Each structure stands twice: as structure tokens, then as C-alpha cells.
Amino acid sequence: MCAVGRRLRIGIGVALVVLGLFATVGGVALVSLVGADGSIGLAPTRLIGSGYAITLPQVDVPSLPDGQHVRLDVSLQQGDRPLFLGIGPTSDVDAYLRDVPIDVIEQIDQPGAASTSPVNGTAQPAAPEAQPFWAITATGDAPSISWTAQPGEWTLVVMSTPPRRPVNVTASGSVTLPILGPLGFVLLAIAVAVLGAGAWMIVRAARARKSAS
């Protein structure tokens, strides 16, 4: 093997090793994050708002191939008053809470906290459980829901029932997309294969150089 060929193979091998290392880190992170079932968990998170409701808007659920569905699990820890937990179409929730003072979740700050922004208003909302548009609801001292999400734009709503302000609750939950579990292991297997191929090319080129000398 000529010197140029050996250097080329070593260069390709190094590139594959670097690519394999990055992909391996990504695969390990994905497997650690979602696990075998494709579930991403949310640690118990404090939600504090001065209005009648705390909302998580624009939960955009796409149409997925091969019958895949997103599952959303949410539960509230027991507080000092009965609670309402619901998911409804964003347009209907917006109409229901129009001119009502609420707090909107802008960002989940792991672990255990969320950033919210207030929306001012003067109206008082009607009882949430009486509204007909919800896709899923739960009420009680510690309500929880497990929802197989349908494609569309949805909003999650947390309120006291009957509606009272302020709202101060702790929520936990998870989002599950089953395809993410196998995807992590496939990515990890490919990454290890690329890493091994790069190392093999470097070792073989190095041996050829030693034999030539």
C-alpha cells in the first residue's frame, strides 16, 4: 500500500471514529432519556399562577405513520381544593378563557419548575367540567389523565373547581412515542458499527505502514 493510500485510509478511519463517537453519545443519551418504551418523563413540577387557570397551549400533535400515536400522561398532586385537569382543542379553549385572567406555561425548567407568563382579563370562567369540547378531563383532589393524542392543536388546562384564583399545583407526567425506544437502540447499534469500522481502518493502515517499513 502506498503512503498516500495509507494516509487516506487513516484519515477516513479517524473521521469515522469521530462520527461514531458523537453518534454513540447521542444514542446512549436517547436510550437513557426515553427508555425502551419511548417515554420521556416530567419530574414533579410546581405550577404557580395568579389567574383562574394555568394552561399549556399549542400542544401540536402530528399525524404519524404506521399507526403510531403519542400518549400523554399527566397527574396533579393533592392540594387544598378540588382540581380540574383537561385537554381540549386550542381554538375552543381560547374561546372559553377569552378575557379570563390566566397564566400560560412558556417553558418547563427541569428539574421541578416552570416559567409562566400572565394574561390579563376581567372575566370569570364558567365551570370547566360543564364545557362540551374537552377531549379528556379529570377532577378531584389529585386528578390524573392518560390520553392517546389525536392529530391537531390542543391545550392543557389546570384549574380549581369551581374556578378560583390563584392556582398553585404540582404536576408530573410523561410523553410516550413508542417508536423512540427502538430508534435509540438502532442509532446506538449503527454508531458502534461506524466506530468499529473507523478503528479497523486505522489499525489496518497502521499495520500496513509498519510492514512496509
Protein backbone atom coordinates (compact mmCIF):
# COMPACT_ATOMS: atom_id res chain seq x y z
CA MET A 1 0.00 0.00 0.00
CA CYS A 2 1.45 3.37 -0.98
CA ALA A 3 1.96 6.15 1.56
CA VAL A 4 -0.82 8.28 0.04
CA GLY A 5 -3.28 5.40 0.27
CA ARG A 6 -2.35 4.70 3.89
CA ARG A 7 -2.78 8.36 4.87
CA LEU A 8 -6.13 8.45 3.09
CA ARG A 9 -7.36 5.35 4.90
CA ILE A 10 -6.15 6.70 8.24
CA GLY A 11 -7.93 10.00 7.55
CA ILE A 12 -11.16 8.21 6.67
CA GLY A 13 -10.77 5.99 9.74
CA VAL A 14 -10.30 8.97 12.05
CA ALA A 15 -13.37 10.68 10.56
CA LEU A 16 -15.45 7.52 11.11
CA VAL A 17 -14.19 7.18 14.69
CA VAL A 18 -15.14 10.80 15.46
CA LEU A 19 -18.54 10.39 13.80
CA GLY A 20 -19.07 7.11 15.63
CA LEU A 21 -18.19 8.65 18.99
CA PHE A 22 -20.66 11.51 18.54
CA ALA A 23 -23.37 9.12 17.32
CA THR A 24 -22.69 6.75 20.22
CA VAL A 25 -23.09 9.59 22.72
CA GLY A 26 -26.33 10.58 21.00
CA GLY A 27 -27.60 7.01 21.00
CA VAL A 28 -26.78 6.48 24.67
CA ALA A 29 -28.46 9.80 25.55
CA LEU A 30 -31.60 8.88 23.59
CA VAL A 31 -31.80 5.40 25.14
CA SER A 32 -31.24 6.85 28.63
CA LEU A 33 -33.81 9.60 28.08
CA VAL A 34 -36.69 7.64 26.59
CA GLY A 35 -36.01 4.06 27.63
CA ALA A 36 -37.26 1.00 25.79
CA ASP A 37 -40.90 2.17 25.73
CA GLY A 38 -40.20 5.58 24.15
CA SER A 39 -41.38 7.52 27.20
CA ILE A 40 -39.99 10.89 28.28
CA GLY A 41 -40.86 11.67 31.89
CA LEU A 42 -41.55 15.02 33.56
CA ALA A 43 -40.41 15.30 37.17
CA PRO A 44 -42.88 16.79 39.69
CA THR A 45 -43.08 20.43 38.66
CA ARG A 46 -44.54 23.35 40.61
CA LEU A 47 -47.08 25.40 38.65
CA ILE A 48 -47.96 28.76 40.19
CA GLY A 49 -50.34 31.30 38.67
CA SER A 50 -52.28 34.31 39.84
CA GLY A 51 -55.23 33.77 37.48
CA TYR A 52 -58.09 31.28 37.27
CA ALA A 53 -56.19 28.75 35.15
CA ILE A 54 -52.74 27.60 34.13
CA THR A 55 -52.52 26.47 30.51
CA LEU A 56 -50.02 24.70 28.29
CA PRO A 57 -51.04 25.90 24.82
CA GLN A 58 -50.19 24.72 21.32
CA VAL A 59 -49.63 21.06 22.07
CA ASP A 60 -49.26 20.27 18.36
CA VAL A 61 -49.76 16.57 17.61
CA PRO A 62 -48.77 15.50 14.07
CA SER A 63 -50.17 12.63 12.03
CA LEU A 64 -47.75 9.74 12.46
CA PRO A 65 -47.12 6.80 10.12
CA ASP A 66 -47.70 3.10 10.80
CA GLY A 67 -50.43 3.66 13.36
CA GLN A 68 -48.08 5.40 15.81
CA HIS A 69 -49.72 7.54 18.50
CA VAL A 70 -48.47 9.95 21.12
CA ARG A 71 -49.66 9.22 24.66
CA LEU A 72 -49.75 11.99 27.24
CA ASP A 73 -49.94 11.17 30.95
CA VAL A 74 -50.44 13.97 33.47
CA SER A 75 -51.22 13.87 37.18
CA LEU A 76 -51.63 16.54 39.85
CA GLN A 77 -50.59 16.15 43.46
CA GLN A 78 -53.26 16.64 46.08
CA GLY A 79 -53.78 20.29 47.00
CA ASP A 80 -56.03 22.23 49.36
CA ARG A 81 -59.00 22.33 46.96
CA PRO A 82 -60.63 20.18 44.23
CA LEU A 83 -58.87 20.47 40.89
CA PHE A 84 -59.79 20.21 37.21
CA LEU A 85 -57.42 18.82 34.58
CA GLY A 86 -58.40 18.82 30.92
CA ILE A 87 -57.18 18.84 27.33
CA GLY A 88 -59.21 20.48 24.59
CA PRO A 89 -58.85 21.91 21.09
CA THR A 90 -56.83 25.11 21.30
CA SER A 91 -59.47 27.18 19.49
CA ASP A 92 -62.22 26.08 21.90
CA VAL A 93 -60.06 26.59 24.98
CA ASP A 94 -59.10 30.07 23.76
CA ALA A 95 -62.79 30.94 23.33
CA TYR A 96 -63.67 29.55 26.76
CA LEU A 97 -60.90 31.51 28.51
CA ARG A 98 -61.22 34.72 26.48
CA ASP A 99 -60.87 37.79 28.74
CA VAL A 100 -60.19 35.49 31.74
CA PRO A 101 -57.00 36.17 33.74
CA ILE A 102 -54.81 33.09 33.30
CA ASP A 103 -51.15 32.08 33.34
CA VAL A 104 -49.52 30.42 30.32
CA ILE A 105 -46.64 27.95 30.65
CA GLU A 106 -43.80 29.24 28.50
CA GLN A 107 -41.08 26.76 29.44
CA ILE A 108 -40.50 23.73 31.64
CA ASP A 109 -37.33 24.37 33.66
CA GLN A 110 -36.03 20.99 34.76
CA PRO A 111 -35.99 19.91 37.44
CA GLY A 112 -39.17 20.89 39.18
CA ALA A 113 -40.04 24.39 37.96
CA ALA A 114 -41.87 26.07 35.10
CA SER A 115 -41.81 29.60 33.69
CA THR A 116 -45.25 31.18 33.18
CA SER A 117 -46.48 34.49 31.83
CA PRO A 118 -49.74 36.15 32.95
CA VAL A 119 -52.58 37.03 30.59
CA ASN A 120 -54.73 39.84 31.97
CA GLY A 121 -58.51 39.84 31.92
CA THR A 122 -61.61 40.72 33.91
CA ALA A 123 -63.98 37.83 33.18
CA GLN A 124 -64.72 34.89 35.45
CA PRO A 125 -64.89 31.50 33.70
CA ALA A 126 -67.83 29.15 33.81
CA ALA A 127 -67.40 25.75 35.42
CA PRO A 128 -64.86 23.88 33.26
CA GLU A 129 -66.45 20.45 33.67
CA ALA A 130 -69.65 21.77 32.09
CA GLN A 131 -67.92 22.58 28.78
CA PRO A 132 -68.61 20.09 25.95
CA PHE A 133 -65.39 20.41 23.94
CA TRP A 134 -62.85 18.59 26.12
CA ALA A 135 -61.09 15.56 24.66
CA ILE A 136 -60.36 14.24 28.16
CA THR A 137 -60.90 15.56 31.70
CA ALA A 138 -60.39 14.56 35.31
CA THR A 139 -61.49 16.22 38.54
CA GLY A 140 -60.83 15.64 42.20
CA ASP A 141 -58.23 16.19 44.89
CA ALA A 142 -55.46 14.58 42.78
CA PRO A 143 -56.77 14.16 39.21
CA SER A 144 -54.83 12.33 36.52
CA ILE A 145 -55.31 11.62 32.82
CA SER A 146 -53.83 9.22 30.27
CA TRP A 147 -54.64 10.37 26.75
CA THR A 148 -53.87 8.84 23.38
CA ALA A 149 -53.44 12.08 21.45
CA GLN A 150 -55.19 12.70 18.17
CA PRO A 151 -53.61 14.90 15.47
CA GLY A 152 -54.37 18.59 15.95
CA GLU A 153 -53.64 21.61 18.13
CA TRP A 154 -54.50 21.09 21.78
CA THR A 155 -54.23 22.99 25.05
CA LEU A 156 -53.85 21.52 28.53
CA VAL A 157 -55.72 23.36 31.29
CA VAL A 158 -55.33 23.21 35.08
CA MET A 159 -57.95 24.96 37.25
CA SER A 160 -59.67 24.79 40.59
CA THR A 161 -63.25 23.54 40.50
CA PRO A 162 -65.28 25.61 40.99
CA PRO A 163 -62.93 28.21 39.41
CA ARG A 164 -60.92 30.13 41.98
CA ARG A 165 -57.73 32.13 41.88
CA PRO A 166 -54.82 31.77 42.39
CA VAL A 167 -53.76 28.32 41.14
CA ASN A 168 -50.86 26.58 42.87
CA VAL A 169 -50.32 22.90 42.00
CA THR A 170 -47.58 20.35 41.42
CA ALA A 171 -47.81 18.32 38.21
CA SER A 172 -45.92 15.33 36.87
CA GLY A 173 -46.29 13.23 33.76
CA SER A 174 -44.76 11.78 30.64
CA VAL A 175 -44.99 11.82 26.86
CA THR A 176 -44.71 8.46 25.12
CA LEU A 177 -43.92 7.87 21.44
CA PRO A 178 -43.25 4.12 21.10
CA ILE A 179 -41.05 4.44 18.01
CA LEU A 180 -38.44 6.40 20.01
CA GLY A 181 -37.48 3.33 22.07
CA PRO A 182 -36.32 1.09 19.18
CA LEU A 183 -34.94 4.15 17.37
CA GLY A 184 -32.47 4.77 20.18
CA PHE A 185 -31.15 1.20 20.07
CA VAL A 186 -30.90 1.27 16.25
CA LEU A 187 -28.95 4.53 16.39
CA LEU A 188 -26.67 3.09 19.05
CA ALA A 189 -26.02 -0.07 17.00
CA ILE A 190 -25.19 1.95 13.87
CA ALA A 191 -22.93 4.26 15.88
CA VAL A 192 -20.99 1.32 17.34
CA ALA A 193 -20.63 -0.19 13.87
CA VAL A 194 -19.29 3.09 12.43
CA LEU A 195 -16.91 3.45 15.37
CA GLY A 196 -15.65 -0.10 14.89
CA ALA A 197 -15.19 0.37 11.13
CA GLY A 198 -13.15 3.52 11.69
CA ALA A 199 -10.93 1.85 14.29
CA TRP A 200 -10.42 -1.16 11.97
CA MET A 201 -9.34 1.09 9.10
CA ILE A 202 -6.83 2.95 11.29
CA VAL A 203 -5.36 -0.27 12.71
CA ARG A 204 -5.08 -1.91 9.27
CA ALA A 205 -3.42 1.16 7.74
CA ALA A 206 -1.00 1.37 10.66
CA ARG A 207 -0.06 -2.31 10.30
CA ALA A 208 0.47 -1.89 6.55
CA ARG A 209 2.78 1.05 7.21
CA LYS A 210 4.75 -0.98 9.77
CA SER A 211 5.09 -3.91 7.32
CA ALA A 212 6.26 -1.56 4.53
CA SER A 213 8.96 -0.12 6.74
